[in-house]
C-alpha atoms as a PDB file:
ATOM      1  CA  MET A   1     132.150 101.571  -4.922  1.00  0.00           C
ATOM      2  CA  SER A   2     129.865  98.854  -3.651  1.00  0.00           C
ATOM      3  CA  THR A   3     126.452  99.016  -2.003  1.00  0.00           C
ATOM      4  CA  ILE A   4     125.141  96.681   0.698  1.00  0.00           C
ATOM      5  CA  VAL A   5     121.566  95.476   0.372  1.00  0.00           C
ATOM      6  CA  ALA A   6     120.510  93.253   3.274  1.00  0.00           C
ATOM      7  CA  TYR A   7     117.699  91.973   5.413  1.00  0.00           C
ATOM      8  CA  VAL A   8     118.911  92.107   9.021  1.00  0.00           C
ATOM      9  CA  PRO A   9     116.340  90.525  11.377  1.00  0.00           C
ATOM     10  CA  VAL A  10     118.743  90.556  14.336  1.00  0.00           C
ATOM     11  CA  LEU A  11     122.083  92.159  15.030  1.00  0.00           C
ATOM     12  CA  HIS A  12     124.644  89.652  16.251  1.00  0.00           C
ATOM     13  CA  ARG A  13     128.339  88.928  15.704  1.00  0.00           C
ATOM     14  CA  GLY A  14     127.735  87.396  12.274  1.00  0.00           C
ATOM     15  CA  TYR A  15     125.973  90.466  10.916  1.00  0.00           C
ATOM     16  CA  ILE A  16     128.511  92.841  12.471  1.00  0.00           C
ATOM     17  CA  ASP A  17     131.327  90.877  10.810  1.00  0.00           C
ATOM     18  CA  PHE A  18     129.397  91.003   7.523  1.00  0.00           C
ATOM     19  CA  PHE A  19     129.151  94.809   7.651  1.00  0.00           C
ATOM     20  CA  ASN A  20     132.763  95.186   8.795  1.00  0.00           C
ATOM     21  CA  ARG A  21     134.012  93.148   5.844  1.00  0.00           C
ATOM     22  CA  HIS A  22     132.303  95.617   3.541  1.00  0.00           C
ATOM     23  CA  ARG A  23     132.882  98.800   5.547  1.00  0.00           C
ATOM     24  CA  ASP A  24     134.204 100.581   2.450  1.00  0.00           C
ATOM     25  CA  SER A  25     130.747 100.342   0.822  1.00  0.00           C
ATOM     26  CA  SER A  26     129.275 103.695  -0.147  1.00  0.00           C
ATOM     27  CA  ALA A  27     125.753 102.944   1.065  1.00  0.00           C
ATOM     28  CA  ILE A  28     123.648 100.472   3.036  1.00  0.00           C
ATOM     29  CA  TYR A  29     120.098  99.588   2.027  1.00  0.00           C
ATOM     30  CA  LEU A  30     118.248  97.823   4.842  1.00  0.00           C
ATOM     31  CA  LEU A  31     115.304  95.767   3.649  1.00  0.00           C
ATOM     32  CA  ASP A  32     112.272  96.465   5.807  1.00  0.00           C
ATOM     33  CA  ARG A  33     110.695  93.503   7.588  1.00  0.00           C
ATOM     34  CA  SER A  34     107.265  94.095   6.040  1.00  0.00           C
ATOM     35  CA  LEU A  35     108.689  94.092   2.507  1.00  0.00           C
ATOM     36  CA  CYS A  36     110.535  90.816   3.135  1.00  0.00           C
ATOM     37  CA  ILE A  37     107.471  89.181   4.658  1.00  0.00           C
ATOM     38  CA  GLU A  38     105.522  90.057   1.514  1.00  0.00           C
ATOM     39  CA  GLU A  39     108.091  88.099  -0.488  1.00  0.00           C
ATOM     40  CA  GLN A  40     108.595  85.246   2.015  1.00  0.00           C
ATOM     41  CA  ALA A  41     105.703  84.776   4.427  1.00  0.00           C
ATOM     42  CA  SER A  42     107.630  82.417   6.732  1.00  0.00           C
ATOM     43  CA  LEU A  43     109.711  85.367   7.976  1.00  0.00           C
ATOM     44  CA  ALA A  44     106.674  86.607   9.909  1.00  0.00           C
ATOM     45  CA  LYS A  45     107.207  83.710  12.342  1.00  0.00           C
ATOM     46  CA  ASP A  46     110.598  85.039  13.447  1.00  0.00           C
ATOM     47  CA  ILE A  47     109.759  86.615  16.812  1.00  0.00           C
ATOM     48  CA  ARG A  48     113.321  87.969  17.146  1.00  0.00           C
ATOM     49  CA  SER A  49     113.149  90.236  14.128  1.00  0.00           C
ATOM     50  CA  LEU A  50     113.856  93.940  14.508  1.00  0.00           C
ATOM     51  CA  GLU A  51     112.476  96.781  12.470  1.00  0.00           C
ATOM     52  CA  ALA A  52     114.902  98.176   9.907  1.00  0.00           C
ATOM     53  CA  ALA A  53     114.868 101.555  11.697  1.00  0.00           C
ATOM     54  CA  GLU A  54     116.120  99.864  14.882  1.00  0.00           C
ATOM     55  CA  VAL A  55     118.922  98.168  12.955  1.00  0.00           C
ATOM     56  CA  ALA A  56     119.875 101.510  11.390  1.00  0.00           C
ATOM     57  CA  LEU A  57     120.260 103.103  14.829  1.00  0.00           C
ATOM     58  CA  ALA A  58     122.368 100.185  16.016  1.00  0.00           C
ATOM     59  CA  LEU A  59     124.627 100.448  12.964  1.00  0.00           C
ATOM     60  CA  SER A  60     125.046 104.178  13.528  1.00  0.00           C
ATOM     61  CA  ALA A  61     126.250 103.427  17.060  1.00  0.00           C
ATOM     62  CA  LEU A  62     128.838 101.119  15.475  1.00  0.00           C
ATOM     63  CA  GLY A  63     130.193 103.954  13.359  1.00  0.00           C
ATOM     64  CA  TYR A  64     128.119 103.722  10.179  1.00  0.00           C
ATOM     65  CA  PRO A  65     126.798 107.226   9.349  1.00  0.00           C
ATOM     66  CA  LEU A  66     123.006 107.358   9.276  1.00  0.00           C
ATOM     67  CA  LYS A  67     123.175 109.415   6.093  1.00  0.00           C
ATOM     68  CA  THR A  68     124.576 106.380   4.268  1.00  0.00           C
ATOM     69  CA  ILE A  69     121.748 104.080   5.461  1.00  0.00           C
ATOM     70  CA  THR A  70     118.463 103.827   3.566  1.00  0.00           C
ATOM     71  CA  ILE A  71     115.473 101.846   4.780  1.00  0.00           C
ATOM     72  CA  VAL A  72     113.801 100.046   1.886  1.00  0.00           C
ATOM     73  CA  ASN A  73     110.076  99.620   2.489  1.00  0.00           C
ATOM     74  CA  SER A  74     109.164  99.852  -1.172  1.00  0.00           C
ATOM     75  CA  ALA A  75     110.651  97.730  -3.939  1.00  0.00           C
ATOM     76  CA  GLU A  76     110.829 100.786  -6.215  1.00  0.00           C
ATOM     77  CA  LEU A  77     113.762 102.100  -4.180  1.00  0.00           C
ATOM     78  CA  LEU A  78     115.865  99.126  -5.284  1.00  0.00           C
ATOM     79  CA  SER A  79     115.708 100.013  -8.969  1.00  0.00           C
ATOM     80  CA  SER A  80     117.788 103.140  -8.394  1.00  0.00           C
ATOM     81  CA  ILE A  81     120.858 101.291  -7.077  1.00  0.00           C
ATOM     82  CA  GLY A  82     123.620 101.543  -9.639  1.00  0.00           C
ATOM     83  CA  ASP A  83     126.717 100.368  -7.789  1.00  0.00           C
ATOM     84  CA  SER A  84     128.086  96.874  -7.402  1.00  0.00           C
ATOM     85  CA  ILE A  85     125.710  95.194  -4.963  1.00  0.00           C
ATOM     86  CA  ILE A  86     126.679  92.963  -2.041  1.00  0.00           C
ATOM     87  CA  MET A  87     124.060  90.835  -0.277  1.00  0.00           C
ATOM     88  CA  PRO A  88     124.141  88.059   2.341  1.00  0.00           C
ATOM     89  CA  ASP A  89     123.970  84.656   0.670  1.00  0.00           C
ATOM     90  CA  GLU A  90     120.520  83.540   1.821  1.00  0.00           C
ATOM     91  CA  ASP A  91     117.141  82.855   0.305  1.00  0.00           C
ATOM     92  CA  ILE A  92     115.446  86.233   0.924  1.00  0.00           C
ATOM     93  CA  SER A  93     118.391  88.035  -0.688  1.00  0.00           C
ATOM     94  CA  LYS A  94     118.050  85.928  -3.815  1.00  0.00           C
ATOM     95  CA  ILE A  95     114.288  86.400  -3.955  1.00  0.00           C
ATOM     96  CA  ILE A  96     114.674  90.185  -3.768  1.00  0.00           C
ATOM     97  CA  ALA A  97     117.598  90.262  -6.203  1.00  0.00           C
ATOM     98  CA  THR A  98     115.877  88.101  -8.800  1.00  0.00           C
ATOM     99  CA  LYS A  99     112.655  90.080  -8.634  1.00  0.00           C
ATOM    100  CA  TYR A 100     113.824  93.674  -8.244  1.00  0.00           C
ATOM    101  CA  LEU A 101     117.538  94.233  -8.835  1.00  0.00           C
ATOM    102  CA  VAL A 102     118.937  94.942 -12.271  1.00  0.00           C
ATOM    103  CA  ASP A 103     122.663  95.036 -11.553  1.00  0.00           C
ATOM    104  CA  PRO A 104     124.781  91.947 -10.756  1.00  0.00           C
ATOM    105  CA  VAL A 105     124.919  90.857  -7.121  1.00  0.00           C
ATOM    106  CA  VAL A 106     127.876  89.473  -5.179  1.00  0.00           C
ATOM    107  CA  TYR A 107     126.680  87.144  -2.409  1.00  0.00           C
ATOM    108  CA  ASP A 108     128.666  86.908   0.819  1.00  0.00           C
ATOM    109  CA  SER A 109     128.384  83.272   1.893  1.00  0.00           C
ATOM    110  CA  THR A 110     128.827  83.867   5.607  1.00  0.00           C
ATOM    111  CA  PHE A 111     126.394  81.975   7.856  1.00  0.00           C
ATOM    112  CA  LEU A 112     123.952  84.427   9.445  1.00  0.00           C
ATOM    113  CA  ARG A 113     120.820  82.435  10.173  1.00  0.00           C
ATOM    114  CA  TRP A 114     118.977  79.215   9.358  1.00  0.00           C
ATOM    115  CA  ASP A 115     117.298  80.223   6.133  1.00  0.00           C
ATOM    116  CA  LYS A 116     115.238  77.765   4.080  1.00  0.00           C
ATOM    117  CA  THR A 117     118.135  76.757   1.817  1.00  0.00           C
ATOM    118  CA  ARG A 118     120.457  75.912   4.717  1.00  0.00           C
ATOM    119  CA  ILE A 119     117.752  74.062   6.644  1.00  0.00           C
ATOM    120  CA  LYS A 120     117.212  71.643   3.756  1.00  0.00           C
ATOM    121  CA  ALA A 121     120.817  71.385   2.610  1.00  0.00           C
ATOM    122  CA  GLU A 122     122.540  68.022   2.830  1.00  0.00           C
ATOM    123  CA  GLN A 123     126.096  68.270   4.105  1.00  0.00           C
ATOM    124  CA  ALA A 124     128.714  65.602   3.606  1.00  0.00           C
ATOM    125  CA  VAL A 125     129.532  64.203   7.039  1.00  0.00           C
ATOM    126  CA  ILE A 126     133.032  64.890   8.325  1.00  0.00           C
ATOM    127  CA  GLU A 127     133.868  61.698  10.209  1.00  0.00           C
ATOM    128  CA  HIS A 128     136.435  61.468  12.952  1.00  0.00           C
ATOM    129  CA  PHE A 129     137.992  58.806  10.760  1.00  0.00           C
ATOM    130  CA  THR A 130     136.949  56.262   8.153  1.00  0.00           C
ATOM    131  CA  LEU A 131     136.908  52.568   8.953  1.00  0.00           C
ATOM    132  CA  SER A 132     138.027  49.762   6.765  1.00  0.00           C
ATOM    133  CA  GLN A 133     135.427  47.055   6.784  1.00  0.00           C
ATOM    134  CA  ASP A 134     136.785  44.972   9.656  1.00  0.00           C
ATOM    135  CA  ASP A 135     134.963  41.754  10.455  1.00  0.00           C
ATOM    136  CA  PHE A 136     132.924  43.088  13.370  1.00  0.00           C
ATOM    137  CA  SER A 137     131.780  46.300  11.667  1.00  0.00           C
ATOM    138  CA  SER A 138     131.072  44.369   8.486  1.00  0.00           C
ATOM    139  CA  HIS A 139     128.918  41.889  10.407  1.00  0.00           C
ATOM    140  CA  MET A 140     127.028  44.613  12.300  1.00  0.00           C
ATOM    141  CA  MET A 141     126.285  46.642   9.187  1.00  0.00           C
ATOM    142  CA  ALA A 142     125.165  43.510   7.333  1.00  0.00           C
ATOM    143  CA  LEU A 143     122.770  42.893  10.214  1.00  0.00           C
ATOM    144  CA  CYS A 144     121.470  46.458   9.852  1.00  0.00           C
ATOM    145  CA  TYR A 145     120.870  45.999   6.134  1.00  0.00           C
ATOM    146  CA  LYS A 146     118.958  42.787   6.796  1.00  0.00           C
ATOM    147  CA  GLN A 147     116.778  44.740   9.206  1.00  0.00           C
ATOM    148  CA  ALA A 148     116.318  47.477   6.584  1.00  0.00           C
ATOM    149  CA  GLU A 149     114.915  44.925   4.156  1.00  0.00           C
ATOM    150  CA  LEU A 150     112.066  44.278   6.604  1.00  0.00           C
ATOM    151  CA  SER A 151     110.909  47.896   6.492  1.00  0.00           C
ATOM    152  CA  ALA A 152     107.670  48.634   4.655  1.00  0.00           C
ATOM    153  CA  ASP A 153     108.671  52.270   4.096  1.00  0.00           C
ATOM    154  CA  TRP A 154     108.710  52.893   0.358  1.00  0.00           C
ATOM    155  CA  TRP A 155     110.693  56.131   0.694  1.00  0.00           C
ATOM    156  CA  ARG A 156     113.739  54.740   2.425  1.00  0.00           C
ATOM    157  CA  GLN A 157     114.491  51.498   4.231  1.00  0.00           C
ATOM    158  CA  VAL A 158     116.750  51.967   7.245  1.00  0.00           C
ATOM    159  CA  GLY A 159     118.031  49.320   9.615  1.00  0.00           C
ATOM    160  CA  ALA A 160     119.802  49.837  12.930  1.00  0.00           C
ATOM    161  CA  CYS A 161     121.157  47.946  15.911  1.00  0.00           C
ATOM    162  CA  ILE A 162     122.591  48.925  19.281  1.00  0.00           C
ATOM    163  CA  ILE A 163     125.663  47.134  20.624  1.00  0.00           C
ATOM    164  CA  LYS A 164     126.815  47.028  24.243  1.00  0.00           C
ATOM    165  CA  GLY A 165     129.703  44.990  25.544  1.00  0.00           C
ATOM    166  CA  GLY A 166     130.172  43.507  22.106  1.00  0.00           C
ATOM    167  CA  GLU A 167     126.642  42.093  22.044  1.00  0.00           C
ATOM    168  CA  VAL A 168     123.562  43.150  20.075  1.00  0.00           C
ATOM    169  CA  ILE A 169     121.001  44.371  22.608  1.00  0.00           C
ATOM    170  CA  LEU A 170     118.463  45.911  20.213  1.00  0.00           C
ATOM    171  CA  GLN A 171     117.808  45.820  16.476  1.00  0.00           C
ATOM    172  CA  GLY A 172     115.090  47.112  14.213  1.00  0.00           C
ATOM    173  CA  ASN A 173     114.097  49.244  11.251  1.00  0.00           C
ATOM    174  CA  ASN A 174     112.044  52.285  10.339  1.00  0.00           C
ATOM    175  CA  GLN A 175     108.305  51.595  10.251  1.00  0.00           C
ATOM    176  CA  HIS A 176     105.136  53.581   9.871  1.00  0.00           C
ATOM    177  CA  VAL A 177     102.828  53.913  12.860  1.00  0.00           C
ATOM    178  CA  PRO A 178     100.377  53.024  14.217  1.00  0.00           C
ATOM    179  CA  SER A 179     100.602  50.271  11.569  1.00  0.00           C
ATOM    180  CA  PRO A 180     103.556  49.352   9.328  1.00  0.00           C
ATOM    181  CA  SER A 181     101.034  49.341   6.478  1.00  0.00           C
ATOM    182  CA  GLN A 182      99.787  52.858   7.241  1.00  0.00           C
ATOM    183  CA  PRO A 183     100.843  54.269   3.827  1.00  0.00           C
ATOM    184  CA  TYR A 184      98.719  51.595   2.129  1.00  0.00           C
ATOM    185  CA  PHE A 185      95.665  52.641   4.162  1.00  0.00           C
ATOM    186  CA  ASP A 186      95.850  56.428   3.919  1.00  0.00           C
ATOM    187  CA  GLY A 187      98.717  57.141   1.539  1.00  0.00           C
ATOM    188  CA  ASP A 188     102.039  58.617   2.663  1.00  0.00           C
ATOM    189  CA  PRO A 189     102.108  62.354   3.504  1.00  0.00           C
ATOM    190  CA  ARG A 190     105.752  62.332   2.375  1.00  0.00           C
ATOM    191  CA  SER A 191     104.477  61.924  -1.180  1.00  0.00           C
ATOM    192  CA  GLU A 192     103.815  65.672  -1.194  1.00  0.00           C
ATOM    193  CA  SER A 193     107.423  66.541  -0.306  1.00  0.00           C
ATOM    194  CA  LYS A 194     110.732  66.387  -2.107  1.00  0.00           C
ATOM    195  CA  LYS A 195     113.513  64.106  -0.928  1.00  0.00           C
ATOM    196  CA  GLY A 196     115.316  65.652   2.042  1.00  0.00           C
ATOM    197  CA  SER A 197     112.605  68.214   2.795  1.00  0.00           C
ATOM    198  CA  ASP A 198     109.839  68.363   5.414  1.00  0.00           C
ATOM    199  CA  ILE A 199     111.288  65.334   7.155  1.00  0.00           C
ATOM    200  CA  HIS A 200     109.128  65.980  10.218  1.00  0.00           C
ATOM    201  CA  LEU A 201     105.907  65.525   8.210  1.00  0.00           C
ATOM    202  CA  SER A 202     105.685  61.770   8.228  1.00  0.00           C
ATOM    203  CA  THR A 203     103.918  58.804   9.812  1.00  0.00           C
ATOM    204  CA  ALA A 204     107.268  56.986   9.925  1.00  0.00           C
ATOM    205  CA  PHE A 205     108.988  55.996  13.171  1.00  0.00           C
ATOM    206  CA  HIS A 206     112.723  56.144  12.481  1.00  0.00           C
ATOM    207  CA  ALA A 207     114.832  53.123  13.342  1.00  0.00           C
ATOM    208  CA  GLU A 208     117.111  54.955  15.782  1.00  0.00           C
ATOM    209  CA  LEU A 209     114.244  56.578  17.694  1.00  0.00           C
ATOM    210  CA  SER A 210     112.395  53.274  17.792  1.00  0.00           C
ATOM    211  CA  LEU A 211     115.357  51.502  19.399  1.00  0.00           C
ATOM    212  CA  ILE A 212     115.915  54.290  21.935  1.00  0.00           C
ATOM    213  CA  ALA A 213     112.203  54.242  22.824  1.00  0.00           C
ATOM    214  CA  THR A 214     112.281  50.474  23.224  1.00  0.00           C
ATOM    215  CA  ALA A 215     115.310  50.729  25.519  1.00  0.00           C
ATOM    216  CA  ALA A 216     113.425  53.238  27.689  1.00  0.00           C
ATOM    217  CA  LYS A 217     110.344  51.006  27.778  1.00  0.00           C
ATOM    218  CA  VAL A 218     112.117  47.838  28.881  1.00  0.00           C
ATOM    219  CA  GLY A 219     114.682  49.545  31.119  1.00  0.00           C
ATOM    220  CA  ILE A 220     117.891  49.066  29.120  1.00  0.00           C
ATOM    221  CA  ALA A 221     120.570  51.643  29.928  1.00  0.00           C
ATOM    222  CA  LEU A 222     122.304  52.870  26.767  1.00  0.00           C
ATOM    223  CA  SER A 223     125.300  54.456  28.465  1.00  0.00           C
ATOM    224  CA  ARG A 224     128.504  53.642  26.524  1.00  0.00           C
ATOM    225  CA  SER A 225     126.608  51.677  23.891  1.00  0.00           C
ATOM    226  CA  HIS A 226     127.264  51.915  20.134  1.00  0.00           C
ATOM    227  CA  LEU A 227     124.699  52.497  17.398  1.00  0.00           C
ATOM    228  CA  TYR A 228     125.042  51.018  13.917  1.00  0.00           C
ATOM    229  CA  VAL A 229     122.664  52.407  11.281  1.00  0.00           C
ATOM    230  CA  THR A 230     122.544  52.106   7.507  1.00  0.00           C
ATOM    231  CA  THR A 231     121.782  55.823   6.912  1.00  0.00           C
ATOM    232  CA  PHE A 232     123.165  58.811   8.813  1.00  0.00           C
ATOM    233  CA  PRO A 233     120.682  59.956  11.487  1.00  0.00           C
ATOM    234  CA  CYS A 234     118.242  62.777  10.803  1.00  0.00           C
ATOM    235  CA  PRO A 235     118.197  65.830  13.137  1.00  0.00           C
ATOM    236  CA  TRP A 236     115.438  64.353  15.328  1.00  0.00           C
ATOM    237  CA  CYS A 237     117.263  61.051  15.768  1.00  0.00           C
ATOM    238  CA  ALA A 238     120.625  62.757  16.285  1.00  0.00           C
ATOM    239  CA  LYS A 239     119.218  64.714  19.226  1.00  0.00           C
ATOM    240  CA  ALA A 240     117.762  61.567  20.794  1.00  0.00           C
ATOM    241  CA  ILE A 241     121.069  59.731  20.283  1.00  0.00           C
ATOM    242  CA  ALA A 242     123.071  62.625  21.732  1.00  0.00           C
ATOM    243  CA  TYR A 243     121.205  62.550  25.028  1.00  0.00           C
ATOM    244  CA  SER A 244     120.566  58.802  25.322  1.00  0.00           C
ATOM    245  CA  GLY A 245     124.004  57.666  26.493  1.00  0.00           C
ATOM    246  CA  ILE A 246     125.104  56.202  23.142  1.00  0.00           C
ATOM    247  CA  SER A 247     128.801  56.995  22.705  1.00  0.00           C
ATOM    248  CA  ARG A 248     129.485  56.013  19.080  1.00  0.00           C
ATOM    249  CA  VAL A 249     127.551  56.121  15.811  1.00  0.00           C
ATOM    250  CA  TYR A 250     128.549  53.939  12.864  1.00  0.00           C
ATOM    251  CA  PHE A 251     126.822  54.559   9.531  1.00  0.00           C
ATOM    252  CA  ALA A 252     127.211  53.410   5.931  1.00  0.00           C
ATOM    253  CA  GLU A 253     125.563  56.073   3.753  1.00  0.00           C
ATOM    254  CA  GLY A 254     123.674  59.334   3.708  1.00  0.00           C
ATOM    255  CA  TYR A 255     124.268  62.958   4.659  1.00  0.00           C
ATOM    256  CA  SER A 256     123.915  65.204   7.661  1.00  0.00           C
ATOM    257  CA  VAL A 257     120.954  67.597   7.500  1.00  0.00           C
ATOM    258  CA  LEU A 258     120.551  70.730   9.638  1.00  0.00           C
ATOM    259  CA  ASP A 259     122.402  70.200  12.952  1.00  0.00           C
ATOM    260  CA  ALA A 260     122.495  66.396  12.984  1.00  0.00           C
ATOM    261  CA  GLU A 261     126.270  66.044  12.826  1.00  0.00           C
ATOM    262  CA  SER A 262     127.116  69.057  14.981  1.00  0.00           C
ATOM    263  CA  ILE A 263     124.791  67.992  17.829  1.00  0.00           C
ATOM    264  CA  LEU A 264     126.500  64.592  17.963  1.00  0.00           C
ATOM    265  CA  ILE A 265     129.986  66.094  17.997  1.00  0.00           C
ATOM    266  CA  ALA A 266     128.974  68.679  20.617  1.00  0.00           C
ATOM    267  CA  ASN A 267     128.022  65.784  22.889  1.00  0.00           C
ATOM    268  CA  ASP A 268     131.343  63.957  22.356  1.00  0.00           C
ATOM    269  CA  ILE A 269     129.826  61.173  20.294  1.00  0.00           C
ATOM    270  CA  GLU A 270     132.316  59.581  17.929  1.00  0.00           C
ATOM    271  CA  ILE A 271     131.161  59.185  14.323  1.00  0.00           C
ATOM    272  CA  PHE A 272     132.484  56.526  11.966  1.00  0.00           C
ATOM    273  CA  ARG A 273     131.649  55.595   8.399  1.00  0.00           C
ATOM    274  CA  VAL A 274     131.727  51.888   7.668  1.00  0.00           C
ATOM    275  CA  VAL A 275     133.230  51.515   4.207  1.00  0.00           C
ATOM    276  CA  LYS A 276     131.539  48.999   1.932  1.00  0.00           C
END
């Protein structure tokens, strides 16, 4: 028989499906919020989180006998588990398992919440379709790469342009602010982060956001315009693009992080990769 060991901060459809998939488990060990916060301090910021006792009562109402549910508020309780262990596939599960569990763990990879691993994961973009490098797309992307070469950002040089009615209406690149040479004055705060992480901690002004801001400043309507950019937009830029009126995004390289791709698709923005 198997045993469920899980941190359940909220009870929604994903967690209910998780428990239903493993309904034949002999026991459920609910990790107490305080114990998990000790191991991962960022969990204290989750204002939604329930106490384990509240989750236990909810599970009992769903047909899980209370006598099979144990609230784990002390790590010592975990050492007594002898069955095959099932845990949600997320960072707090792996922290607890590595530190306290002796027996092998089977991780259920269902999506339950934005844990640290998922937030920083890079996902290959699923395009609506892939373009051959036709003359126009080839020319536009070459223009973007020329713009990228003008960027003083030593982390990543990104160029972009916005097309409307077949004409280039805006073009530019990522730059640091308030001065393009800001990293040379004060250093770059990104130097303390790994590639793909903490993307919001930066003095850089991304190319896409810069163009959208410029359009707002000079009064250019972006409705039904197309964006070409060398690297797939980050989550911040994707949100700005999604609500700016831009209807298509063409990119050459890079990955979708967090909800960047899904927010574009949810707003009916077509995504195309320009093949080199």
